Protein backbone atom coordinates (compact mmCIF):
# COMPACT_ATOMS: atom_id res chain seq x y z
CA MET A 1 -19.51 -21.30 21.56
CA SER A 2 -15.61 -20.62 20.16
CA ASN A 3 -13.58 -18.01 20.95
CA ARG A 4 -11.05 -18.12 18.41
CA ILE A 5 -9.60 -15.16 16.91
CA LEU A 6 -6.94 -15.61 14.17
CA ILE A 7 -4.05 -13.09 13.80
CA THR A 8 -2.62 -12.98 10.23
CA PRO A 9 -0.47 -9.02 9.49
CA ARG A 10 3.17 -9.69 9.90
CA SER A 11 3.48 -6.77 12.16
CA LEU A 12 1.60 -8.88 14.64
CA SER A 13 1.73 -12.89 13.85
CA SER A 14 5.05 -12.79 16.59
CA GLY A 15 2.26 -12.09 19.27
CA GLY A 16 3.05 -9.99 22.11
CA HIS A 17 1.70 -6.00 20.94
CA PRO A 18 0.00 -4.91 23.06
CA GLY A 19 -2.87 -3.39 20.95
CA LEU A 20 -3.81 -7.04 20.69
CA MET A 21 -4.62 -7.27 24.66
CA PRO A 22 -8.21 -5.97 24.67
CA LEU A 23 -9.16 -9.12 22.90
CA THR A 24 -7.58 -11.29 25.16
CA GLU A 25 -8.92 -9.50 27.91
CA ALA A 26 -12.68 -10.14 26.19
CA GLY A 27 -11.91 -13.68 26.65
CA TYR A 28 -10.79 -14.53 23.35
CA GLU A 29 -7.73 -16.96 22.32
CA LEU A 30 -5.67 -15.80 19.58
CA VAL A 31 -4.20 -17.50 16.76
CA PHE A 32 -1.42 -16.99 15.20
CA ALA A 33 -1.04 -18.94 11.52
CA ALA A 34 2.44 -17.72 10.26
CA VAL A 35 4.48 -16.73 13.02
CA GLY A 36 6.52 -13.74 11.35
CA SER A 37 5.55 -14.40 7.89
CA MET A 38 2.67 -14.09 4.85
CA PRO A 39 0.92 -17.16 5.94
CA THR A 40 0.31 -19.65 2.89
CA GLU A 41 -3.41 -20.86 1.73
CA ALA A 42 -1.95 -24.10 3.33
CA ASP A 43 -1.63 -22.26 6.75
CA LEU A 44 -5.26 -20.39 6.56
CA LEU A 45 -6.94 -23.72 5.99
CA ALA A 46 -5.20 -24.96 8.34
CA ALA A 47 -5.97 -21.84 11.16
CA ILE A 48 -9.22 -20.46 10.02
CA PRO A 49 -11.78 -23.44 11.43
CA GLY A 50 -13.33 -22.08 14.69
CA CYS A 51 -12.54 -18.46 14.18
CA VAL A 52 -15.41 -16.24 14.47
CA GLY A 53 -12.85 -13.43 14.30
CA TRP A 54 -9.73 -12.86 11.70
CA LEU A 55 -7.67 -9.66 12.35
CA ALA A 56 -6.44 -9.88 9.01
CA GLY A 57 -3.23 -8.42 6.52
CA VAL A 58 -2.80 -8.91 2.82
CA GLU A 59 -2.28 -11.89 2.25
CA PRO A 60 -4.36 -13.44 -0.30
CA VAL A 61 -7.47 -14.99 0.78
CA SER A 62 -9.01 -17.42 -1.40
CA THR A 63 -12.25 -18.56 -1.62
CA GLN A 64 -11.42 -22.41 -0.08
CA VAL A 65 -10.52 -20.25 2.98
CA ILE A 66 -13.42 -18.60 3.70
CA ALA A 67 -15.59 -22.23 2.68
CA ALA A 68 -13.57 -23.68 5.62
CA ALA A 69 -14.18 -20.21 7.84
CA ASP A 70 -17.21 -22.20 9.13
CA LYS A 71 -17.43 -19.79 12.57
CA LEU A 72 -16.05 -16.85 11.37
CA ARG A 73 -18.36 -13.32 12.00
CA VAL A 74 -15.81 -10.43 10.90
CA ILE A 75 -12.70 -9.83 8.77
CA SER A 76 -11.06 -6.52 10.39
CA ARG A 77 -8.32 -5.39 8.17
CA ASN A 78 -5.31 -3.69 10.12
CA GLY A 79 -5.48 -1.04 7.08
CA THR A 80 -7.61 0.19 4.21
CA GLY A 81 -7.51 -2.37 1.25
CA ILE A 82 -9.50 -5.11 0.61
CA ASP A 83 -8.10 -6.53 -3.09
CA ASN A 84 -7.66 -9.40 -1.08
CA LEU A 85 -10.39 -10.50 -0.10
CA PRO A 86 -13.48 -12.26 -1.86
CA VAL A 87 -15.62 -9.73 -0.78
CA GLU A 88 -18.52 -10.82 -2.72
CA ILE A 89 -18.49 -14.54 -1.25
CA LEU A 90 -18.21 -12.97 2.45
CA ALA A 91 -21.10 -10.50 1.98
CA ALA A 92 -23.14 -13.88 0.90
CA LYS A 93 -22.32 -15.72 4.11
CA ASN A 94 -23.08 -12.37 5.77
CA ILE A 95 -19.18 -12.16 7.38
CA ALA A 96 -18.60 -8.27 8.30
CA VAL A 97 -15.65 -6.66 6.47
CA CYS A 98 -14.20 -4.30 8.61
CA ARG A 99 -11.01 -1.37 7.43
CA ALA A 100 -8.99 0.92 9.70
CA GLU A 101 -9.19 3.47 7.34
CA GLY A 102 -6.69 6.04 7.53
CA THR A 103 -4.81 4.85 10.74
CA ASN A 104 -1.31 4.23 8.55
CA ALA A 105 -1.50 7.05 6.18
CA ARG A 106 1.00 9.17 7.27
CA GLY A 107 3.73 6.01 7.52
CA VAL A 108 2.66 5.36 4.11
CA ALA A 109 3.08 9.08 2.64
CA GLU A 110 6.04 9.77 4.44
CA LEU A 111 7.68 6.46 2.92
CA ALA A 112 6.62 7.97 -1.09
CA LEU A 113 8.25 11.33 -0.02
CA ALA A 114 11.42 9.37 1.50
CA LEU A 115 11.45 7.40 -1.79
CA SER A 116 10.61 10.44 -4.09
CA LEU A 117 13.54 12.48 -2.88
CA THR A 118 15.94 9.49 -2.89
CA ALA A 119 15.19 8.88 -6.68
CA MET A 120 14.88 12.74 -7.59
CA ARG A 121 18.51 13.20 -5.62
CA ARG A 122 20.17 9.92 -7.02
CA ILE A 123 20.98 8.86 -3.20
CA VAL A 124 21.43 5.12 -4.09
CA PRO A 125 23.29 5.19 -6.77
CA THR A 126 25.60 7.79 -5.61
CA HIS A 127 26.01 5.72 -2.07
CA GLN A 128 26.90 2.26 -4.41
CA ALA A 129 29.79 4.23 -6.59
CA LEU A 130 30.95 5.72 -3.50
CA VAL A 131 31.16 2.21 -1.37
CA ASN A 132 32.80 0.73 -4.87
CA GLY A 133 35.17 3.61 -4.82
CA LYS A 134 34.09 5.75 -7.62
CA TRP A 135 33.27 9.59 -7.41
CA SER A 136 30.11 9.92 -9.17
CA ARG A 137 28.24 12.86 -9.33
CA TRP A 138 24.85 12.68 -10.77
CA ILE A 139 22.37 16.22 -11.23
CA GLY A 140 19.24 15.31 -8.82
CA ARG A 141 16.20 18.18 -9.19
CA GLU A 142 14.43 19.51 -6.27
CA MET A 143 10.83 19.38 -5.40
CA GLN A 144 10.09 22.86 -5.81
CA GLY A 145 9.44 23.86 -8.39
CA ALA A 146 8.50 20.38 -9.75
CA ARG A 147 5.24 19.37 -11.30
CA VAL A 148 4.17 16.34 -9.03
CA ALA A 149 1.07 13.92 -10.35
CA VAL A 150 -0.82 12.82 -7.14
CA ILE A 151 -3.16 9.60 -8.35
CA GLY A 152 -5.65 8.70 -5.50
CA LEU A 153 -6.43 11.77 -3.36
CA GLY A 154 -7.50 9.09 -0.17
CA ALA A 155 -5.77 9.82 3.35
CA ILE A 156 -2.56 8.46 1.97
CA GLY A 157 -2.49 10.94 -1.22
CA ALA A 158 -3.85 13.50 0.45
CA GLN A 159 -1.29 13.68 2.80
CA PHE A 160 1.51 12.93 0.34
CA ALA A 161 -0.06 15.89 -2.05
CA GLY A 162 0.43 17.89 1.15
CA PHE A 163 3.96 17.28 1.39
CA ALA A 164 4.73 18.05 -1.95
CA LEU A 165 3.12 21.43 -1.74
CA GLY A 166 4.94 22.23 1.64
CA LEU A 167 8.00 21.75 -0.40
CA GLY A 168 6.79 23.76 -3.21
CA ALA A 169 6.29 21.85 -5.70
CA ASP A 170 2.88 22.28 -7.86
CA VAL A 171 0.71 19.10 -7.87
CA ASN A 172 -2.25 17.90 -9.97
CA GLY A 173 -4.43 15.31 -8.59
CA PHE A 174 -6.67 12.71 -10.24
CA ASP A 175 -9.14 10.52 -8.02
CA PRO A 176 -13.13 10.50 -9.31
CA PHE A 177 -14.33 9.50 -6.03
CA ALA A 178 -12.86 11.99 -3.49
CA ALA A 179 -14.38 14.89 -1.98
CA PRO A 180 -14.05 18.41 -3.80
CA ASP A 181 -12.08 19.98 -1.20
CA ARG A 182 -10.00 17.34 -0.20
CA VAL A 183 -6.90 19.18 -1.04
CA LEU A 184 -7.21 22.94 -1.10
CA HIS A 185 -4.00 24.99 -2.01
CA ASP A 186 -3.42 27.57 -4.82
CA ARG A 187 -0.55 25.24 -6.12
CA PHE A 188 -3.06 22.37 -6.67
CA ALA A 189 -5.44 21.28 -8.86
CA ARG A 190 -8.11 18.36 -9.47
CA THR A 191 -7.54 17.05 -12.54
CA SER A 192 -8.34 14.18 -15.17
CA LEU A 193 -5.28 11.36 -15.50
CA VAL A 194 -4.49 11.97 -18.39
CA ASP A 195 -4.04 15.84 -17.46
CA ALA A 196 -2.37 14.89 -13.97
CA ILE A 197 0.25 12.25 -15.98
CA ARG A 198 0.98 15.02 -19.08
CA ASP A 199 4.60 16.48 -18.49
CA ALA A 200 4.96 15.44 -14.56
CA ASN A 201 8.15 14.76 -13.06
CA LEU A 202 7.01 12.82 -10.28
CA VAL A 203 4.49 10.64 -10.03
CA SER A 204 3.06 9.13 -7.07
CA LEU A 205 0.35 6.40 -6.79
CA HIS A 206 -2.17 6.03 -4.30
CA ALA A 207 -5.24 4.08 -5.81
CA PRO A 208 -6.80 0.76 -5.74
CA LEU A 209 -6.67 -1.33 -8.61
CA PRO A 210 -9.09 -0.73 -11.36
CA VAL A 211 -12.39 -2.76 -11.59
CA ASP A 212 -11.48 -4.76 -14.50
CA GLY A 213 -7.88 -5.04 -13.28
CA ARG A 214 -6.15 -3.23 -16.00
CA PRO A 215 -3.03 -0.75 -15.36
CA LEU A 216 -3.14 2.87 -14.80
CA LEU A 217 0.15 3.87 -15.97
CA GLY A 218 0.74 1.62 -19.41
CA SER A 219 3.35 2.63 -22.62
CA ALA A 220 0.62 5.62 -23.89
CA LEU A 221 0.51 7.62 -19.87
CA LEU A 222 4.06 7.10 -19.69
CA ALA A 223 5.48 8.33 -22.83
CA THR A 224 3.66 11.84 -21.78
CA LEU A 225 5.69 11.88 -18.69
CA ALA A 226 8.64 14.83 -18.52
CA PRO A 227 11.90 12.83 -19.50
CA GLY A 228 13.58 11.00 -17.12
CA ALA A 229 10.72 11.13 -14.33
CA VAL A 230 10.40 9.50 -11.61
CA VAL A 231 7.44 7.25 -10.59
CA VAL A 232 6.89 5.88 -7.14
CA ASN A 233 4.33 3.37 -6.20
CA THR A 234 3.46 2.32 -2.92
CA ALA A 235 -0.47 1.70 -3.63
CA ARG A 236 -0.75 -1.67 -5.79
CA ALA A 237 1.82 -3.30 -7.91
CA GLY A 238 -0.72 -3.77 -10.36
CA LEU A 239 -1.24 -0.35 -11.03
CA VAL A 240 1.96 -0.07 -13.48
CA ASP A 241 2.24 -1.69 -16.82
CA ALA A 242 5.57 -4.27 -15.78
CA ASP A 243 5.97 -4.34 -19.71
CA ALA A 244 5.73 -0.26 -20.35
CA MET A 245 7.77 0.37 -17.08
CA LEU A 246 10.92 -1.81 -18.27
CA ALA A 247 10.55 0.17 -21.73
CA ALA A 248 10.41 3.54 -20.28
CA LEU A 249 13.34 2.26 -17.89
CA ALA A 250 15.51 1.63 -21.02
CA SER A 251 14.44 4.61 -23.05
CA ASP A 252 15.03 6.80 -19.88
CA GLN A 253 11.59 8.31 -19.86
CA VAL A 254 11.35 7.07 -16.48
CA GLY A 255 14.07 7.88 -14.96
CA CYS A 256 13.55 5.61 -11.94
CA TYR A 257 10.67 3.60 -10.77
CA ALA A 258 10.40 3.34 -6.89
CA THR A 259 8.01 0.61 -5.36
CA ASP A 260 7.00 -0.46 -2.20
CA VAL A 261 4.34 -3.55 -3.44
CA PHE A 262 5.17 -6.66 -5.47
CA GLU A 263 2.51 -8.69 -7.28
CA THR A 264 3.78 -11.78 -4.82
CA GLU A 265 5.52 -10.98 -1.33
CA PRO A 266 8.43 -12.18 -1.74
CA PRO A 267 8.72 -10.97 -5.26
CA GLU A 268 10.37 -13.27 -7.67
CA PRO A 269 13.37 -11.62 -9.75
CA SER A 270 12.04 -9.42 -13.23
CA PRO A 271 13.36 -7.63 -15.69
CA VAL A 272 11.97 -4.54 -14.09
CA LEU A 273 12.97 -5.50 -10.55
CA LEU A 274 16.24 -5.83 -11.29
CA HIS A 275 16.90 -2.80 -13.65
CA PRO A 276 19.07 -0.52 -11.88
CA HIS A 277 17.17 2.47 -11.99
CA VAL A 278 14.59 0.86 -10.20
CA LEU A 279 14.72 0.97 -5.98
CA LEU A 280 12.77 -1.55 -4.05
CA THR A 281 11.48 -1.36 -0.67
CA SER A 282 9.80 -4.77 1.12
CA HIS A 283 5.97 -3.47 1.49
CA ILE A 284 7.28 -1.26 4.46
CA GLY A 285 4.90 1.75 4.02
CA GLY A 286 2.67 1.22 7.05
CA TYR A 287 5.35 -0.85 9.03
CA THR A 288 6.11 2.11 11.28
CA VAL A 289 5.96 1.87 15.30
CA GLU A 290 3.09 4.49 15.21
CA SER A 291 1.07 3.29 12.20
CA VAL A 292 1.35 -0.40 13.44
CA ASP A 293 0.00 1.03 16.78
CA ARG A 294 -3.16 3.13 15.03
CA THR A 295 -3.73 0.50 13.17
CA THR A 296 -4.01 -2.40 15.13
CA ARG A 297 -6.31 -0.36 17.95
CA ALA A 298 -8.79 0.04 15.19
CA ALA A 299 -8.78 -3.28 13.78
CA VAL A 300 -9.25 -4.75 17.11
CA GLU A 301 -11.78 -2.06 18.18
CA ASN A 302 -13.76 -2.62 14.79
CA MET A 303 -13.81 -6.43 15.26
CA LEU A 304 -15.33 -6.17 19.24
CA GLU A 305 -17.38 -4.00 17.91
CA VAL A 306 -19.09 -6.65 15.83
CA LEU A 307 -18.58 -9.61 17.98
CA THR A 308 -19.99 -7.59 20.74
CA ARG A 309 -22.96 -7.04 18.31
CA HIS A 310 -23.47 -10.81 17.44
CA ALA A 311 -23.18 -11.85 21.18
CA THR A 312 -26.34 -9.51 22.30
């Protein structure tokens, strides 16, 4: 019987993380497809045959890779999103899919807050001006009294909403699926997407991609923001229409677009990503010591539960 488990998250693929020890202690051999980087399809095709388990990251998984997964019983994500997985094909092959839900929420929510404050206070251009010998000062704005839209009220969005409320913002949240009591505060309201975005000074995105694949934020909604608004995206690149965002940046309707997520990683240069009012981080939302520890433990526990069930 095969005992191989594929490990592909970039935070784990160099090996040695103590959270992986329960797998080796249970007698499994760990396979690393691409050390320290996101594996390509060729990497996955070479590594997946014979593996009964796969501790997966955000790398795209094609139908060809699943076809080559001759022994696979479970894919355990070290996070929540499964947009990168061909879920229907996995279900047809009776391959279980597990998610480490909420384990990286604090890390991502804190990054969203950091990006929000950095953009609102124009910290990056101020720093760059000083480095270049210029004494440039831009007026910023405070979170207290700001109108904030939180799109998606899962574990991450709810934490970010709590941060914004704690700093004195008025928060409108949109999520058609979250429980009615997800966020309770006298300055918080559940609204439609349109009402949440309208006149917002700050929008923070924490939603999955729509089923139809269309962006949530296009030109029509961007036009309803307060002039000079900040948009923060730590969720999915596809939530934002790139052409509409470029136009909104050019007209100063959006004062800053801050994103931690991209269509491909690392991203190709593009007019949006090269715009001077765009703030970029390299998908580091859940890349904290604490978040990696929590997600690894949860993903390993989920995988072992499935494999143990199959063994009995």
